[in-house]
C-alpha atoms as a PDB file:
ATOM      1  CA  MET A   1     115.557  48.117  94.227  1.00  0.00           C
ATOM      2  CA  ILE A   2     114.841  49.604  97.688  1.00  0.00           C
ATOM      3  CA  LYS A   3     111.133  49.577  98.465  1.00  0.00           C
ATOM      4  CA  ASN A   4     111.021  51.034 101.974  1.00  0.00           C
ATOM      5  CA  ILE A   5     113.470  52.463 104.558  1.00  0.00           C
ATOM      6  CA  ASN A   6     112.515  52.879 108.237  1.00  0.00           C
ATOM      7  CA  LYS A   7     114.909  54.799 110.488  1.00  0.00           C
ATOM      8  CA  ARG A   8     114.617  54.874 114.285  1.00  0.00           C
ATOM      9  CA  VAL A   9     116.929  56.757 116.630  1.00  0.00           C
ATOM     10  CA  LEU A  10     117.126  55.178 120.076  1.00  0.00           C
ATOM     11  CA  GLY A  11     119.424  57.270 122.266  1.00  0.00           C
ATOM     12  CA  GLU A  12     122.862  57.058 120.648  1.00  0.00           C
ATOM     13  CA  THR A  13     121.953  54.192 118.280  1.00  0.00           C
ATOM     14  CA  LEU A  14     120.338  54.306 114.854  1.00  0.00           C
ATOM     15  CA  GLU A  15     118.328  51.341 113.640  1.00  0.00           C
ATOM     16  CA  ILE A  16     117.637  51.121 109.897  1.00  0.00           C
ATOM     17  CA  GLU A  17     115.219  48.581 108.445  1.00  0.00           C
ATOM     18  CA  ILE A  18     115.357  48.221 104.666  1.00  0.00           C
ATOM     19  CA  GLU A  19     112.900  46.309 102.518  1.00  0.00           C
ATOM     20  CA  THR A  20     113.668  45.587  98.864  1.00  0.00           C
ATOM     21  CA  LYS A  21     111.425  44.887  95.887  1.00  0.00           C
ATOM     22  CA  ILE A  22     111.491  41.340  94.618  1.00  0.00           C
ATOM     23  CA  LYS A  23     112.301  41.219  90.908  1.00  0.00           C
ATOM     24  CA  THR A  24     109.367  40.222  88.750  1.00  0.00           C
ATOM     25  CA  PHE A  25     111.155  38.837  85.689  1.00  0.00           C
ATOM     26  CA  PHE A  26     114.003  36.365  85.356  1.00  0.00           C
ATOM     27  CA  ILE A  27     115.884  38.680  82.994  1.00  0.00           C
ATOM     28  CA  HIS A  28     116.227  41.363  85.724  1.00  0.00           C
ATOM     29  CA  LYS A  29     119.618  41.412  87.410  1.00  0.00           C
ATOM     30  CA  ASN A  30     120.074  39.942  90.889  1.00  0.00           C
ATOM     31  CA  GLU A  31     121.210  42.688  93.291  1.00  0.00           C
ATOM     32  CA  ILE A  32     122.458  42.347  96.846  1.00  0.00           C
ATOM     33  CA  LEU A  33     122.451  45.247  99.315  1.00  0.00           C
ATOM     34  CA  SER A  34     125.901  45.590 100.892  1.00  0.00           C
ATOM     35  CA  ASP A  35     126.821  47.039 104.277  1.00  0.00           C
ATOM     36  CA  GLU A  36     128.721  49.872 102.547  1.00  0.00           C
ATOM     37  CA  GLU A  37     125.596  50.962 100.655  1.00  0.00           C
ATOM     38  CA  VAL A  38     123.535  51.010 103.855  1.00  0.00           C
ATOM     39  CA  LEU A  39     126.305  52.915 105.655  1.00  0.00           C
ATOM     40  CA  GLU A  40     126.266  55.494 102.840  1.00  0.00           C
ATOM     41  CA  ILE A  41     122.463  55.865 103.109  1.00  0.00           C
ATOM     42  CA  ALA A  42     122.670  56.288 106.889  1.00  0.00           C
ATOM     43  CA  SER A  43     125.568  58.751 106.844  1.00  0.00           C
ATOM     44  CA  LYS A  44     123.635  61.208 104.630  1.00  0.00           C
ATOM     45  CA  GLU A  45     121.468  62.281 107.562  1.00  0.00           C
ATOM     46  CA  HIS A  46     123.396  61.188 110.685  1.00  0.00           C
ATOM     47  CA  ASP A  47     126.942  61.260 112.064  1.00  0.00           C
ATOM     48  CA  ILE A  48     127.874  57.603 112.390  1.00  0.00           C
ATOM     49  CA  ILE A  49     130.832  56.293 114.408  1.00  0.00           C
ATOM     50  CA  GLU A  50     130.563  52.558 113.724  1.00  0.00           C
ATOM     51  CA  MET A  51     128.264  49.717 112.694  1.00  0.00           C
ATOM     52  CA  ILE A  52     127.020  47.721 115.672  1.00  0.00           C
ATOM     53  CA  SER A  53     125.166  44.931 113.862  1.00  0.00           C
ATOM     54  CA  SER A  54     123.965  43.853 110.426  1.00  0.00           C
ATOM     55  CA  PRO A  55     121.641  41.052 109.319  1.00  0.00           C
ATOM     56  CA  ASN A  56     123.068  37.483 109.325  1.00  0.00           C
ATOM     57  CA  HIS A  57     121.624  36.877 105.863  1.00  0.00           C
ATOM     58  CA  LYS A  58     122.037  38.621 102.516  1.00  0.00           C
ATOM     59  CA  VAL A  59     119.431  41.230 101.590  1.00  0.00           C
ATOM     60  CA  GLY A  60     118.567  41.398  97.914  1.00  0.00           C
ATOM     61  CA  ASN A  61     115.898  41.640  95.245  1.00  0.00           C
ATOM     62  CA  TYR A  62     115.466  37.882  94.839  1.00  0.00           C
ATOM     63  CA  ARG A  63     114.560  34.934  97.057  1.00  0.00           C
ATOM     64  CA  ASN A  64     117.020  32.191  97.634  1.00  0.00           C
ATOM     65  CA  SER A  65     117.985  29.935 100.522  1.00  0.00           C
ATOM     66  CA  GLY A  66     120.387  32.543 101.994  1.00  0.00           C
ATOM     67  CA  THR A  67     118.792  35.746 100.698  1.00  0.00           C
ATOM     68  CA  LYS A  68     115.836  37.690 102.106  1.00  0.00           C
ATOM     69  CA  SER A  69     114.094  40.891 101.050  1.00  0.00           C
ATOM     70  CA  ARG A  70     114.283  42.596 104.458  1.00  0.00           C
ATOM     71  CA  GLY A  71     117.138  43.399 106.848  1.00  0.00           C
ATOM     72  CA  VAL A  72     117.933  45.497 109.939  1.00  0.00           C
ATOM     73  CA  TRP A  73     121.227  47.365 110.513  1.00  0.00           C
ATOM     74  CA  THR A  74     122.240  49.098 113.758  1.00  0.00           C
ATOM     75  CA  PHE A  75     124.739  51.962 113.967  1.00  0.00           C
ATOM     76  CA  LYS A  76     126.331  53.903 116.802  1.00  0.00           C
ATOM     77  CA  LEU A  77     125.789  57.659 116.462  1.00  0.00           C
ATOM     78  CA  LYS A  78     128.169  60.431 117.373  1.00  0.00           C
ATOM     79  CA  PRO A  79     126.894  62.034 120.592  1.00  0.00           C
ATOM     80  CA  LYS A  80     125.472  65.478 120.083  1.00  0.00           C
ATOM     81  CA  PRO A  81     127.285  68.196 122.021  1.00  0.00           C
ATOM     82  CA  LYS A  82     125.129  69.587 124.761  1.00  0.00           C
ATOM     83  CA  PRO A  83     124.558  73.302 124.336  1.00  0.00           C
ATOM     84  CA  LYS A  84     126.073  75.306 127.137  1.00  0.00           C
ATOM     85  CA  PRO A  85     123.420  77.105 129.104  1.00  0.00           C
ATOM     86  CA  GLU A  86     123.665  80.809 128.615  1.00  0.00           C
ATOM     87  CA  PRO A  87     124.355  82.779 131.785  1.00  0.00           C
ATOM     88  CA  LYS A  88     121.239  84.401 133.066  1.00  0.00           C
ATOM     89  CA  LYS A  89     121.140  88.121 132.731  1.00  0.00           C
ATOM     90  CA  ARG A  90     120.217  90.085 135.773  1.00  0.00           C
ATOM     91  CA  ALA A  91     117.091  92.074 135.531  1.00  0.00           C
ATOM     92  CA  THR A  92     117.899  95.732 135.473  1.00  0.00           C
ATOM     93  CA  THR A  93     115.588  98.447 136.568  1.00  0.00           C
ATOM     94  CA  LYS A  94     115.187 101.565 134.596  1.00  0.00           C
ATOM     95  CA  ARG A  95     116.824 104.469 136.352  1.00  0.00           C
ATOM     96  CA  LYS A  96     114.996 107.719 136.609  1.00  0.00           C
ATOM     97  CA  PRO A  97     116.950 110.615 135.155  1.00  0.00           C
ATOM     98  CA  ALA A  98     118.187 113.184 137.645  1.00  0.00           C
ATOM     99  CA  PRO A  99     115.782 116.105 137.954  1.00  0.00           C
ATOM    100  CA  LYS A 100     116.890 119.054 135.879  1.00  0.00           C
ATOM    101  CA  PRO A 101     117.196 122.380 137.656  1.00  0.00           C
ATOM    102  CA  LYS A 102     114.277 124.602 136.813  1.00  0.00           C
ATOM    103  CA  PRO A 103     115.176 127.801 134.979  1.00  0.00           C
ATOM    104  CA  ALA A 104     114.360 131.111 136.609  1.00  0.00           C
ATOM    105  CA  PRO A 105     110.717 132.004 136.086  1.00  0.00           C
ATOM    106  CA  LYS A 106     110.169 134.424 133.269  1.00  0.00           C
ATOM    107  CA  PRO A 107     108.391 137.638 134.129  1.00  0.00           C
ATOM    108  CA  LYS A 108     104.819 137.543 133.004  1.00  0.00           C
ATOM    109  CA  PRO A 109     103.998 140.011 130.270  1.00  0.00           C
ATOM    110  CA  ALA A 110     101.570 142.750 131.170  1.00  0.00           C
ATOM    111  CA  PRO A 111      98.018 141.685 130.477  1.00  0.00           C
ATOM    112  CA  LYS A 112      96.591 143.126 127.326  1.00  0.00           C
ATOM    113  CA  PRO A 113      93.899 145.706 127.913  1.00  0.00           C
ATOM    114  CA  LYS A 114      90.485 144.352 127.183  1.00  0.00           C
ATOM    115  CA  PRO A 115      88.627 146.141 124.435  1.00  0.00           C
ATOM    116  CA  ALA A 116      85.672 148.239 125.506  1.00  0.00           C
ATOM    117  CA  PRO A 117      82.464 146.286 125.586  1.00  0.00           C
ATOM    118  CA  LYS A 118      80.325 146.762 122.539  1.00  0.00           C
ATOM    119  CA  PRO A 119      77.063 148.600 123.113  1.00  0.00           C
ATOM    120  CA  VAL A 120      74.229 146.206 123.400  1.00  0.00           C
ATOM    121  CA  LYS A 121      71.697 146.804 120.673  1.00  0.00           C
ATOM    122  CA  LYS A 122      68.117 146.133 121.325  1.00  0.00           C
ATOM    123  CA  PRO A 123      66.923 143.344 119.221  1.00  0.00           C
ATOM    124  CA  LEU A 124      64.515 144.390 116.555  1.00  0.00           C
ATOM    125  CA  THR A 125      61.076 143.443 117.607  1.00  0.00           C
ATOM    126  CA  LYS A 126      58.790 143.259 114.734  1.00  0.00           C
ATOM    127  CA  SER A 127      55.273 143.131 115.818  1.00  0.00           C
ATOM    128  CA  SER A 128      52.811 141.084 114.014  1.00  0.00           C
ATOM    129  CA  LEU A 129      50.696 142.497 111.250  1.00  0.00           C
ATOM    130  CA  ARG A 130      47.554 142.292 113.364  1.00  0.00           C
ATOM    131  CA  SER A 131      49.117 144.350 116.159  1.00  0.00           C
ATOM    132  CA  ARG A 132      50.256 147.027 113.702  1.00  0.00           C
ATOM    133  CA  ILE A 133      46.782 147.284 112.175  1.00  0.00           C
ATOM    134  CA  ASN A 134      45.276 147.592 115.661  1.00  0.00           C
ATOM    135  CA  LYS A 135      47.708 150.380 116.467  1.00  0.00           C
ATOM    136  CA  ILE A 136      46.841 152.263 113.279  1.00  0.00           C
ATOM    137  CA  ALA A 137      43.108 151.797 114.013  1.00  0.00           C
ATOM    138  CA  LYS A 138      43.559 153.200 117.530  1.00  0.00           C
ATOM    139  CA  ASP A 139      45.447 156.189 116.239  1.00  0.00           C
ATOM    140  CA  LEU A 140      42.729 156.862 113.676  1.00  0.00           C
ATOM    141  CA  SER A 141      39.956 156.501 116.223  1.00  0.00           C
ATOM    142  CA  GLU A 142      41.772 158.910 118.559  1.00  0.00           C
ATOM    143  CA  GLU A 143      42.099 161.434 115.745  1.00  0.00           C
ATOM    144  CA  ASP A 144      38.435 161.119 114.942  1.00  0.00           C
ATOM    145  CA  GLU A 145      37.496 161.687 118.548  1.00  0.00           C
ATOM    146  CA  SER A 146      39.800 164.602 118.845  1.00  0.00           C
ATOM    147  CA  THR A 147      38.471 166.215 115.735  1.00  0.00           C
ATOM    148  CA  GLU A 148      34.944 165.858 116.803  1.00  0.00           C
END
């Protein structure tokens, strides 16, 4: 039966506009929307104290000389309690912990004796093959000269 419901909250008043469907066939039952039904619809979502105004005509699903398909109801709402402002907390600064007394210094252990340095080995120098052959040739030439 109800086609559309528009709800508007204006301060402490609630305005509800209801539009109904017009019946299409004669065999459908004529229905009239009562103030109690509208009050029940409104009280589902809001806290209502009283009805301020209702339409001067009947609102229903048929057209007649005293019946219309649209009506506006106005209700007085229960005032919402204002939340108490929470007291502001003072900003606290982080305190530095008191300095702890330093323990007596521990005696340093005797330094470990360093191990003796390792003897430095000469790196192996391999001469090239050409230089070795030249050396052998020199030695041979010296022997030949000495034998002569």
